């Protein structure tokens, strides 16, 4: 066990050395959060809390329900964090930032949801067709959107290519739009959720810089094991309420567990670190 742990610690140092936060990432995240917040304020001043729902919902529902169900599922915490495990088990600095980011986003989102308890579209529009779970309470802001932008914002801090950054933003925006399309959030919920997610990523970045350069081997091990809980929850049936997607989501869960095992066991990997200016 001691030899395994020493090898794990050595590989962690290697992985941390090759991860670098992109210069200016914090300012970009804060600017994005401010932009979404101003858009939310403008929308509210123009038409109130329910502004723009009907035309946007009508437009989005021209696309297949399965598309919106899939995108919406990606904002559910079990799916989002399992996807992180699949994509980035060997990126400890990113995972460390994401841990702080998710904590801030959870406090922001749940604090407003349960503090304000605003009604969702199905509680106002009796004839509204809803895809997936029929939710009525705790509408503001959109937690799925917040988590999607929190994950995307954390990833953007390391992504150097403009195409990669655009991809992360488009995916998070797709999650946000899906919440309007499936009928459970107002556009204002989505805009504030996006602002909160990016602001949380900025806060996560600052907190990690304030409290240390990177996780210790013990903290990284604990974090990987904590994240492994989320694919286990999927396999236990907690898939977000879109039943037709369950077989696909179970495969994702198995991939997440496999990626965790590989990250813990592939201690012999000593591939050279990429140059600092490499795209990501």
Protein backbone atom coordinates (compact mmCIF):
# COMPACT_ATOMS: atom_id res chain seq x y z
CA UNK A 1 0.00 0.00 0.00
CA UNK A 2 2.81 2.42 0.87
CA UNK A 3 4.52 1.88 -2.49
CA UNK A 4 1.19 2.41 -4.30
CA UNK A 5 0.57 5.65 -2.38
CA UNK A 6 4.08 6.94 -3.13
CA UNK A 7 3.56 6.19 -6.81
CA UNK A 8 0.15 7.89 -6.69
CA UNK A 9 1.73 10.98 -5.10
CA UNK A 10 4.50 11.05 -7.73
CA UNK A 11 1.97 10.86 -10.54
CA UNK A 12 -0.09 13.59 -8.89
CA UNK A 13 2.94 15.91 -8.93
CA UNK A 14 3.38 15.10 -12.62
CA UNK A 15 -0.27 15.84 -13.38
CA UNK A 16 -0.24 19.10 -11.43
CA UNK A 17 2.90 20.26 -13.24
CA UNK A 18 1.23 19.96 -16.64
CA UNK A 19 -1.95 21.85 -15.66
CA UNK A 20 -1.84 25.63 -15.88
CA UNK A 21 -4.68 28.09 -15.46
CA UNK A 22 -5.07 30.25 -18.56
CA UNK A 23 -3.93 33.87 -18.04
CA UNK A 24 -6.89 36.20 -17.67
CA UNK A 25 -9.33 33.37 -16.95
CA UNK A 26 -10.63 35.00 -13.77
CA UNK A 27 -11.43 38.29 -15.48
CA UNK A 28 -13.15 36.47 -18.32
CA UNK A 29 -15.34 34.47 -15.91
CA UNK A 30 -16.32 37.56 -13.97
CA UNK A 31 -17.13 39.46 -17.17
CA UNK A 32 -19.31 36.58 -18.40
CA UNK A 33 -21.17 36.43 -15.10
CA UNK A 34 -21.77 40.18 -15.23
CA UNK A 35 -23.03 39.93 -18.81
CA UNK A 36 -25.62 37.27 -17.92
CA UNK A 37 -26.65 39.22 -14.82
CA UNK A 38 -27.21 42.39 -16.86
CA UNK A 39 -29.20 40.41 -19.44
CA UNK A 40 -31.37 39.04 -16.62
CA UNK A 41 -31.93 42.53 -15.24
CA UNK A 42 -32.87 43.86 -18.66
CA UNK A 43 -35.31 41.01 -19.26
CA UNK A 44 -36.95 41.52 -15.87
CA UNK A 45 -37.30 45.27 -16.41
CA UNK A 46 -38.83 44.63 -19.81
CA UNK A 47 -41.44 42.06 -18.87
CA UNK A 48 -41.12 40.81 -15.30
CA UNK A 49 -40.28 37.35 -14.03
CA UNK A 50 -42.18 35.48 -16.76
CA UNK A 51 -40.82 37.53 -19.66
CA UNK A 52 -40.08 35.86 -23.01
CA UNK A 53 -41.10 32.35 -21.91
CA UNK A 54 -43.91 31.69 -24.41
CA UNK A 55 -42.10 32.72 -27.64
CA UNK A 56 -38.84 31.03 -26.59
CA UNK A 57 -40.57 27.83 -25.45
CA UNK A 58 -42.59 27.70 -28.67
CA UNK A 59 -39.45 28.13 -30.77
CA UNK A 60 -37.40 25.54 -28.86
CA UNK A 61 -40.09 22.86 -28.91
CA UNK A 62 -39.79 22.66 -32.70
CA UNK A 63 -36.74 20.50 -32.02
CA UNK A 64 -37.10 16.91 -30.75
CA UNK A 65 -37.98 16.32 -27.11
CA UNK A 66 -35.20 13.72 -26.84
CA UNK A 67 -32.58 16.36 -27.63
CA UNK A 68 -33.78 18.63 -24.86
CA UNK A 69 -34.14 15.72 -22.44
CA UNK A 70 -30.53 14.72 -23.07
CA UNK A 71 -29.22 18.27 -22.65
CA UNK A 72 -31.31 18.76 -19.54
CA UNK A 73 -29.93 15.55 -18.05
CA UNK A 74 -26.39 16.89 -18.46
CA UNK A 75 -27.19 19.61 -15.92
CA UNK A 76 -28.31 17.11 -13.28
CA UNK A 77 -25.56 16.78 -10.67
CA UNK A 78 -25.20 13.00 -10.97
CA UNK A 79 -24.76 13.20 -14.74
CA UNK A 80 -22.63 16.36 -14.80
CA UNK A 81 -20.14 15.12 -12.23
CA UNK A 82 -20.03 11.64 -13.72
CA UNK A 83 -19.19 13.28 -17.04
CA UNK A 84 -16.37 15.14 -15.29
CA UNK A 85 -15.00 11.82 -14.05
CA UNK A 86 -15.07 10.39 -17.57
CA UNK A 87 -13.43 13.42 -19.15
CA UNK A 88 -10.91 14.60 -16.56
CA UNK A 89 -9.83 11.98 -13.97
CA UNK A 90 -6.18 12.92 -14.52
CA UNK A 91 -6.66 16.67 -14.10
CA UNK A 92 -6.39 17.19 -10.33
CA UNK A 93 -6.06 20.97 -10.40
CA UNK A 94 -9.25 21.25 -12.45
CA UNK A 95 -11.05 18.84 -10.10
CA UNK A 96 -9.84 20.85 -7.08
CA UNK A 97 -11.15 24.10 -8.55
CA UNK A 98 -14.40 22.40 -9.49
CA UNK A 99 -14.87 21.21 -5.90
CA UNK A 100 -14.77 24.79 -4.59
CA UNK A 101 -16.84 26.01 -7.54
CA UNK A 102 -19.58 23.43 -6.96
CA UNK A 103 -19.75 24.31 -3.27
CA UNK A 104 -20.22 28.01 -4.03
CA UNK A 105 -22.75 27.31 -6.78
CA UNK A 106 -24.73 24.97 -4.49
CA UNK A 107 -24.92 27.61 -1.77
CA UNK A 108 -25.97 30.31 -4.25
CA UNK A 109 -28.56 28.24 -6.10
CA UNK A 110 -30.16 26.41 -3.19
CA UNK A 111 -30.14 29.52 -1.03
CA UNK A 112 -32.21 31.41 -3.59
CA UNK A 113 -34.40 28.43 -4.50
CA UNK A 114 -35.54 27.74 -0.96
CA UNK A 115 -35.31 31.32 0.24
CA UNK A 116 -37.59 32.72 -2.48
CA UNK A 117 -39.54 29.58 -3.53
CA UNK A 118 -40.78 31.06 -6.81
CA UNK A 119 -43.27 29.12 -8.92
CA UNK A 120 -42.17 27.38 -12.11
CA UNK A 121 -44.09 27.53 -15.43
CA UNK A 122 -46.22 24.39 -14.77
CA UNK A 123 -47.59 26.05 -11.64
CA UNK A 124 -48.72 29.08 -13.64
CA UNK A 125 -49.70 27.62 -17.04
CA UNK A 126 -52.12 24.76 -16.53
CA UNK A 127 -52.06 23.58 -20.17
CA UNK A 128 -48.27 23.61 -20.53
CA UNK A 129 -46.76 20.39 -21.90
CA UNK A 130 -43.82 19.33 -19.75
CA UNK A 131 -41.09 16.88 -20.79
CA UNK A 132 -39.78 14.87 -17.84
CA UNK A 133 -40.53 15.58 -14.16
CA UNK A 134 -43.48 17.92 -13.50
CA UNK A 135 -41.86 20.47 -11.21
CA UNK A 136 -43.78 23.39 -9.70
CA UNK A 137 -41.84 24.95 -6.81
CA UNK A 138 -38.32 26.32 -6.14
CA UNK A 139 -37.89 27.70 -9.64
CA UNK A 140 -35.38 30.54 -9.23
CA UNK A 141 -32.64 30.19 -10.37
CA UNK A 142 -32.06 27.16 -12.61
CA UNK A 143 -29.80 24.73 -10.76
CA UNK A 144 -29.14 22.66 -13.89
CA UNK A 145 -27.98 25.78 -15.73
CA UNK A 146 -25.91 26.93 -12.78
CA UNK A 147 -24.05 23.63 -12.52
CA UNK A 148 -23.53 23.44 -16.30
CA UNK A 149 -21.93 26.89 -16.34
CA UNK A 150 -19.97 26.13 -13.17
CA UNK A 151 -18.40 23.08 -14.81
CA UNK A 152 -17.90 24.90 -18.11
CA UNK A 153 -16.38 27.91 -16.33
CA UNK A 154 -13.94 25.71 -14.43
CA UNK A 155 -12.94 24.02 -17.69
CA UNK A 156 -12.60 27.36 -19.46
CA UNK A 157 -9.94 28.37 -16.96
CA UNK A 158 -7.68 25.71 -18.52
CA UNK A 159 -8.85 25.76 -22.15
CA UNK A 160 -6.51 27.78 -24.34
CA UNK A 161 -8.10 27.28 -27.77
CA UNK A 162 -10.96 29.60 -28.74
CA UNK A 163 -12.78 26.68 -30.36
CA UNK A 164 -12.60 24.68 -27.12
CA UNK A 165 -13.91 27.58 -25.06
CA UNK A 166 -16.78 28.09 -27.50
CA UNK A 167 -17.64 24.41 -27.24
CA UNK A 168 -17.89 24.54 -23.45
CA UNK A 169 -20.07 27.64 -23.58
CA UNK A 170 -22.38 26.22 -26.24
CA UNK A 171 -22.86 23.02 -24.25
CA UNK A 172 -23.70 24.95 -21.07
CA UNK A 173 -26.04 27.23 -23.02
CA UNK A 174 -27.73 24.16 -24.49
CA UNK A 175 -28.40 22.89 -20.96
CA UNK A 176 -29.88 26.25 -20.02
CA UNK A 177 -32.14 26.42 -23.07
CA UNK A 178 -33.27 22.85 -22.44
CA UNK A 179 -34.75 23.90 -19.11
CA UNK A 180 -37.05 26.32 -20.94
CA UNK A 181 -37.76 23.77 -23.68
CA UNK A 182 -38.87 21.03 -21.26
CA UNK A 183 -41.12 23.59 -19.56
CA UNK A 184 -39.75 23.83 -16.01
CA UNK A 185 -37.93 27.19 -15.96
CA UNK A 186 -38.51 30.78 -17.02
CA UNK A 187 -35.78 32.42 -19.16
CA UNK A 188 -34.90 34.65 -16.18
CA UNK A 189 -34.14 31.53 -14.10
CA UNK A 190 -31.70 30.40 -16.78
CA UNK A 191 -29.90 33.75 -17.11
CA UNK A 192 -29.40 34.07 -13.36
CA UNK A 193 -28.31 30.43 -13.16
CA UNK A 194 -25.69 31.06 -15.87
CA UNK A 195 -24.47 34.19 -14.08
CA UNK A 196 -24.24 32.29 -10.80
CA UNK A 197 -22.39 29.38 -12.40
CA UNK A 198 -19.70 31.57 -13.96
CA UNK A 199 -19.39 33.66 -10.80
CA UNK A 200 -19.00 30.45 -8.80
CA UNK A 201 -16.22 29.31 -11.15
CA UNK A 202 -14.47 32.64 -10.59
CA UNK A 203 -14.86 32.21 -6.83
CA UNK A 204 -13.60 28.63 -7.02
CA UNK A 205 -10.54 29.81 -8.90
CA UNK A 206 -9.83 32.52 -6.34
CA UNK A 207 -10.36 30.18 -3.39
CA UNK A 208 -7.94 27.59 -4.71
CA UNK A 209 -5.35 30.32 -5.25
CA UNK A 210 -5.98 31.60 -1.74
CA UNK A 211 -5.75 28.24 0.04
CA UNK A 212 -2.99 26.49 -1.88
CA UNK A 213 -1.55 25.69 -5.27
CA UNK A 214 -3.09 22.26 -5.59
CA UNK A 215 -4.53 19.28 -3.72
CA UNK A 216 -2.41 16.93 -1.64
CA UNK A 217 -2.34 13.22 -2.55
CA UNK A 218 -4.75 12.45 0.30
CA UNK A 219 -7.15 15.21 -0.79
CA UNK A 220 -7.01 14.04 -4.42
CA UNK A 221 -7.74 10.47 -3.42
CA UNK A 222 -10.67 11.60 -1.27
CA UNK A 223 -11.98 13.78 -4.11
CA UNK A 224 -11.87 10.93 -6.64
CA UNK A 225 -13.70 8.65 -4.22
CA UNK A 226 -16.27 11.37 -3.53
CA UNK A 227 -16.91 11.86 -7.24
CA UNK A 228 -17.31 8.09 -7.66
CA UNK A 229 -20.48 8.37 -5.56
CA UNK A 230 -22.28 10.11 -8.44
CA UNK A 231 -22.09 7.27 -11.00
CA UNK A 232 -23.14 4.90 -8.21
CA UNK A 233 -26.22 7.06 -7.66
CA UNK A 234 -27.04 6.80 -11.36
CA UNK A 235 -26.79 3.00 -11.20
CA UNK A 236 -29.11 3.18 -8.19
CA UNK A 237 -31.76 4.81 -10.39
CA UNK A 238 -31.18 8.52 -9.73
CA UNK A 239 -31.02 9.60 -13.37
CA UNK A 240 -32.94 12.89 -13.36
CA UNK A 241 -36.39 11.67 -14.37
CA UNK A 242 -35.95 11.16 -18.12
CA UNK A 243 -36.58 7.38 -18.23
CA UNK A 244 -35.92 6.73 -21.96
CA UNK A 245 -32.32 7.86 -21.42
CA UNK A 246 -31.63 5.45 -18.55
CA UNK A 247 -29.69 2.81 -20.56
CA UNK A 248 -27.37 5.48 -21.99
CA UNK A 249 -26.89 7.06 -18.57
CA UNK A 250 -26.07 3.69 -17.01
CA UNK A 251 -23.32 3.26 -19.61
CA UNK A 252 -21.99 6.70 -18.69
CA UNK A 253 -21.99 5.69 -15.03
CA UNK A 254 -19.97 2.57 -15.77
CA UNK A 255 -17.54 4.67 -17.80
CA UNK A 256 -17.20 7.06 -14.86
CA UNK A 257 -16.37 4.23 -12.46
CA UNK A 258 -13.91 2.81 -14.98
CA UNK A 259 -12.20 6.18 -15.36
CA UNK A 260 -11.90 6.48 -11.59
CA UNK A 261 -10.35 3.03 -11.31
CA UNK A 262 -7.94 3.85 -14.15
CA UNK A 263 -6.91 7.11 -12.47
CA UNK A 264 -6.22 5.26 -9.22
CA UNK A 265 -4.42 2.30 -10.74
CA UNK A 266 -2.49 3.62 -13.76
CA UNK A 267 0.42 4.73 -11.62
CA UNK A 268 3.03 3.82 -14.17
CA UNK A 269 2.09 6.51 -16.68
CA UNK A 270 4.95 8.96 -17.03
CA UNK A 271 4.16 10.61 -20.33
CA UNK A 272 5.95 13.96 -20.74
CA UNK A 273 4.05 17.07 -19.78
CA UNK A 274 2.86 19.24 -22.70
CA UNK A 275 4.41 22.68 -23.20
CA UNK A 276 2.84 25.42 -21.13
CA UNK A 277 1.40 27.10 -24.23
CA UNK A 278 -0.31 23.99 -25.56
CA UNK A 279 -3.96 24.23 -26.44
CA UNK A 280 -6.55 22.46 -24.33
